Every structure is written in C-alpha cells, then in structure tokens.
Amino acid sequence: MAKTLSFGVLHLGTSFSVTYALTGSMAVAGAVTFIEPLANTVLHYFFDKYWDHPRAQALRARLGRRSARSQLAPQA
C-alpha cells in the first residue's frame, strides 16, 4: 500500500509540475492535477467493461495468434 500511495503522490506532483510548466498558471495546474485522475477513473471503468466483452476477448485472441505466428516465421 505504501508503494501505491508513493506512486500516487509522484503522479500528482508530476501532473502539477508539467501543467504548471506549460501554462504558468497555478490554478490551471491545480485543476488539471485533480481532474485528470477523476477522468482516468471513469475511463478505466468503461475500459474494464469492454475488456471483458466477448468481441474484445476474441480480438485479443486473434492478435495473440498472429503475434505468435510472426515470432515463429523464419528470419530472412
């Protein structure tokens, strides 16, 4: 849990620093720092729903087979 919390603090610090460096605005940097994780959380919910969808599973299976075949192909 300590590692997760440490990474969270690092992520927020990075987000604030990069946004402040780009905009020069503490207000914008602060807003982005808190809005971005919220947006990621919402998007992650939908990503998880799609990840478990049968079509997504079939696509991953097809791509996995294609990748395995390309690794077995003789190199010229």
N, C-alpha and C. Protein backbone atom coordinates (compact mmCIF):
# COMPACT_ATOMS: atom_id res chain seq x y z
N MET A 1 0.82 -1.19 0.00
CA MET A 1 0.00 0.00 0.00
C MET A 1 0.87 1.27 0.00
N ALA A 2 2.00 1.20 0.69
CA ALA A 2 2.89 2.36 0.73
C ALA A 2 3.41 2.69 -0.66
N LYS A 3 3.71 1.65 -1.44
CA LYS A 3 4.21 1.87 -2.80
C LYS A 3 3.14 2.55 -3.65
N THR A 4 1.89 2.11 -3.51
CA THR A 4 0.78 2.70 -4.26
C THR A 4 0.59 4.16 -3.88
N LEU A 5 0.62 4.45 -2.59
CA LEU A 5 0.47 5.83 -2.15
C LEU A 5 1.63 6.70 -2.63
N SER A 6 2.83 6.15 -2.57
CA SER A 6 4.00 6.90 -3.05
C SER A 6 3.87 7.22 -4.53
N PHE A 7 3.42 6.24 -5.31
CA PHE A 7 3.25 6.46 -6.74
C PHE A 7 2.16 7.49 -6.99
N GLY A 8 1.08 7.44 -6.20
CA GLY A 8 0.01 8.43 -6.35
C GLY A 8 0.51 9.84 -6.12
N VAL A 9 1.31 10.02 -5.08
CA VAL A 9 1.88 11.34 -4.79
C VAL A 9 2.81 11.77 -5.93
N LEU A 10 3.62 10.85 -6.42
CA LEU A 10 4.52 11.14 -7.53
C LEU A 10 3.73 11.54 -8.77
N HIS A 11 2.66 10.82 -9.05
CA HIS A 11 1.82 11.12 -10.22
C HIS A 11 1.21 12.52 -10.10
N LEU A 12 0.66 12.84 -8.93
CA LEU A 12 0.05 14.15 -8.76
C LEU A 12 1.09 15.26 -8.87
N GLY A 13 2.26 15.03 -8.30
CA GLY A 13 3.33 16.02 -8.39
C GLY A 13 3.79 16.24 -9.82
N THR A 14 3.90 15.15 -10.56
CA THR A 14 4.30 15.25 -11.96
C THR A 14 3.24 15.99 -12.77
N SER A 15 1.99 15.64 -12.55
CA SER A 15 0.89 16.28 -13.27
C SER A 15 0.88 17.78 -13.00
N PHE A 16 1.01 18.15 -11.74
CA PHE A 16 1.02 19.57 -11.39
C PHE A 16 2.21 20.28 -12.02
N SER A 17 3.38 19.67 -11.90
CA SER A 17 4.61 20.31 -12.40
C SER A 17 4.59 20.51 -13.91
N VAL A 18 4.18 19.48 -14.64
CA VAL A 18 4.15 19.58 -16.10
C VAL A 18 3.12 20.62 -16.54
N THR A 19 1.94 20.59 -15.93
CA THR A 19 0.90 21.55 -16.32
C THR A 19 1.32 22.97 -15.97
N TYR A 20 1.92 23.15 -14.81
CA TYR A 20 2.39 24.49 -14.42
C TYR A 20 3.48 24.97 -15.38
N ALA A 21 4.39 24.08 -15.74
CA ALA A 21 5.47 24.46 -16.66
C ALA A 21 4.91 24.86 -18.03
N LEU A 22 3.85 24.20 -18.46
CA LEU A 22 3.27 24.51 -19.77
C LEU A 22 2.40 25.76 -19.76
N THR A 23 1.70 25.99 -18.64
CA THR A 23 0.73 27.09 -18.61
C THR A 23 1.17 28.29 -17.78
N GLY A 24 2.02 28.05 -16.77
CA GLY A 24 2.40 29.13 -15.86
C GLY A 24 1.30 29.52 -14.90
N SER A 25 0.23 28.74 -14.87
CA SER A 25 -0.91 29.05 -14.02
C SER A 25 -1.06 28.00 -12.93
N MET A 26 -1.00 28.45 -11.67
CA MET A 26 -1.20 27.52 -10.57
C MET A 26 -2.64 27.02 -10.53
N ALA A 27 -3.59 27.88 -10.92
CA ALA A 27 -5.00 27.49 -10.90
C ALA A 27 -5.26 26.38 -11.92
N VAL A 28 -4.74 26.55 -13.12
CA VAL A 28 -4.91 25.52 -14.16
C VAL A 28 -4.19 24.24 -13.75
N ALA A 29 -2.98 24.38 -13.25
CA ALA A 29 -2.21 23.20 -12.84
C ALA A 29 -2.95 22.45 -11.73
N GLY A 30 -3.50 23.17 -10.78
CA GLY A 30 -4.25 22.53 -9.70
C GLY A 30 -5.50 21.83 -10.21
N ALA A 31 -6.21 22.48 -11.12
CA ALA A 31 -7.42 21.88 -11.68
C ALA A 31 -7.10 20.61 -12.45
N VAL A 32 -6.10 20.68 -13.31
CA VAL A 32 -5.71 19.51 -14.11
C VAL A 32 -5.26 18.37 -13.20
N THR A 33 -4.52 18.71 -12.15
CA THR A 33 -4.00 17.70 -11.23
C THR A 33 -5.12 16.89 -10.60
N PHE A 34 -6.26 17.50 -10.36
CA PHE A 34 -7.35 16.76 -9.73
C PHE A 34 -8.38 16.24 -10.73
N ILE A 35 -8.52 16.88 -11.88
CA ILE A 35 -9.48 16.42 -12.88
C ILE A 35 -8.96 15.20 -13.63
N GLU A 36 -7.68 15.18 -13.94
CA GLU A 36 -7.10 14.07 -14.71
C GLU A 36 -7.28 12.71 -14.03
N PRO A 37 -6.99 12.55 -12.73
CA PRO A 37 -7.22 11.24 -12.11
C PRO A 37 -8.70 10.86 -12.09
N LEU A 38 -9.58 11.84 -11.95
CA LEU A 38 -11.02 11.56 -11.99
C LEU A 38 -11.42 11.04 -13.37
N ALA A 39 -10.93 11.70 -14.41
CA ALA A 39 -11.22 11.25 -15.78
C ALA A 39 -10.66 9.85 -16.02
N ASN A 40 -9.44 9.60 -15.54
CA ASN A 40 -8.85 8.27 -15.70
C ASN A 40 -9.68 7.20 -15.00
N THR A 41 -10.20 7.51 -13.82
CA THR A 41 -11.01 6.56 -13.08
C THR A 41 -12.28 6.21 -13.84
N VAL A 42 -12.94 7.21 -14.39
CA VAL A 42 -14.17 6.97 -15.16
C VAL A 42 -13.84 6.18 -16.42
N LEU A 43 -12.79 6.55 -17.14
CA LEU A 43 -12.42 5.82 -18.35
C LEU A 43 -12.02 4.39 -18.04
N HIS A 44 -11.36 4.18 -16.91
CA HIS A 44 -10.94 2.83 -16.53
C HIS A 44 -12.16 1.92 -16.31
N TYR A 45 -13.23 2.47 -15.75
CA TYR A 45 -14.46 1.70 -15.55
C TYR A 45 -14.96 1.17 -16.90
N PHE A 46 -15.04 2.03 -17.90
CA PHE A 46 -15.53 1.61 -19.21
C PHE A 46 -14.52 0.69 -19.92
N PHE A 47 -13.24 0.94 -19.73
CA PHE A 47 -12.21 0.07 -20.29
C PHE A 47 -12.36 -1.35 -19.75
N ASP A 48 -12.57 -1.47 -18.44
CA ASP A 48 -12.76 -2.80 -17.83
C ASP A 48 -14.00 -3.49 -18.38
N LYS A 49 -15.08 -2.73 -18.57
CA LYS A 49 -16.30 -3.33 -19.13
C LYS A 49 -16.04 -3.86 -20.53
N TYR A 50 -15.34 -3.08 -21.36
CA TYR A 50 -15.06 -3.51 -22.72
C TYR A 50 -14.07 -4.66 -22.74
N TRP A 51 -13.09 -4.65 -21.86
CA TRP A 51 -12.05 -5.68 -21.81
C TRP A 51 -12.69 -7.06 -21.64
N ASP A 52 -13.75 -7.15 -20.87
CA ASP A 52 -14.42 -8.42 -20.61
C ASP A 52 -15.44 -8.78 -21.69
N HIS A 53 -15.67 -7.91 -22.65
CA HIS A 53 -16.65 -8.16 -23.70
C HIS A 53 -16.14 -9.28 -24.61
N PRO A 54 -17.03 -10.19 -25.03
CA PRO A 54 -16.59 -11.31 -25.88
C PRO A 54 -15.88 -10.88 -27.16
N ARG A 55 -16.30 -9.80 -27.80
CA ARG A 55 -15.62 -9.35 -29.02
C ARG A 55 -14.20 -8.89 -28.72
N ALA A 56 -14.01 -8.24 -27.59
CA ALA A 56 -12.66 -7.80 -27.21
C ALA A 56 -11.78 -9.00 -26.91
N GLN A 57 -12.34 -10.00 -26.25
CA GLN A 57 -11.57 -11.21 -25.95
C GLN A 57 -11.18 -11.93 -27.24
N ALA A 58 -12.11 -11.99 -28.20
CA ALA A 58 -11.82 -12.64 -29.48
C ALA A 58 -10.73 -11.88 -30.24
N LEU A 59 -10.79 -10.56 -30.21
CA LEU A 59 -9.77 -9.76 -30.89
C LEU A 59 -8.39 -10.00 -30.26
N ARG A 60 -8.33 -10.02 -28.94
CA ARG A 60 -7.04 -10.28 -28.28
C ARG A 60 -6.52 -11.66 -28.63
N ALA A 61 -7.42 -12.64 -28.72
CA ALA A 61 -7.01 -14.00 -29.07
C ALA A 61 -6.45 -14.03 -30.50
N ARG A 62 -7.13 -13.36 -31.44
CA ARG A 62 -6.65 -13.32 -32.83
C ARG A 62 -5.30 -12.62 -32.91
N LEU A 63 -5.17 -11.51 -32.22
CA LEU A 63 -3.90 -10.78 -32.25
C LEU A 63 -2.79 -11.59 -31.61
N GLY A 64 -3.10 -12.32 -30.58
CA GLY A 64 -2.11 -13.17 -29.92
C GLY A 64 -1.63 -14.28 -30.84
N ARG A 65 -2.54 -14.89 -31.58
CA ARG A 65 -2.15 -15.94 -32.53
C ARG A 65 -1.29 -15.35 -33.64
N ARG A 66 -1.66 -14.18 -34.13
CA ARG A 66 -0.90 -13.53 -35.20
C ARG A 66 0.50 -13.20 -34.70
N SER A 67 0.61 -12.72 -33.49
CA SER A 67 1.92 -12.38 -32.92
C SER A 67 2.77 -13.63 -32.76
N ALA A 68 2.15 -14.72 -32.32
CA ALA A 68 2.89 -15.98 -32.13
C ALA A 68 3.40 -16.50 -33.48
N ARG A 69 2.56 -16.39 -34.52
CA ARG A 69 2.99 -16.85 -35.86
C ARG A 69 4.15 -16.02 -36.36
N SER A 70 4.11 -14.71 -36.14
CA SER A 70 5.20 -13.87 -36.66
C SER A 70 6.50 -14.15 -35.93
N GLN A 71 6.43 -14.59 -34.68
CA GLN A 71 7.64 -14.92 -33.95
C GLN A 71 8.23 -16.24 -34.42
N LEU A 72 7.39 -17.12 -34.96
CA LEU A 72 7.85 -18.43 -35.42
C LEU A 72 8.35 -18.39 -36.87
N ALA A 73 8.01 -17.33 -37.60
CA ALA A 73 8.39 -17.24 -39.01
C ALA A 73 9.91 -17.15 -39.13
N PRO A 74 10.47 -17.85 -40.14
CA PRO A 74 11.93 -17.78 -40.33
C PRO A 74 12.36 -16.37 -40.71
N GLN A 75 13.48 -15.98 -40.20
CA GLN A 75 14.02 -14.65 -40.49
C GLN A 75 14.84 -14.71 -41.77
N ALA A 76 14.64 -13.75 -42.64
CA ALA A 76 15.37 -13.71 -43.91
C ALA A 76 16.66 -12.96 -43.77
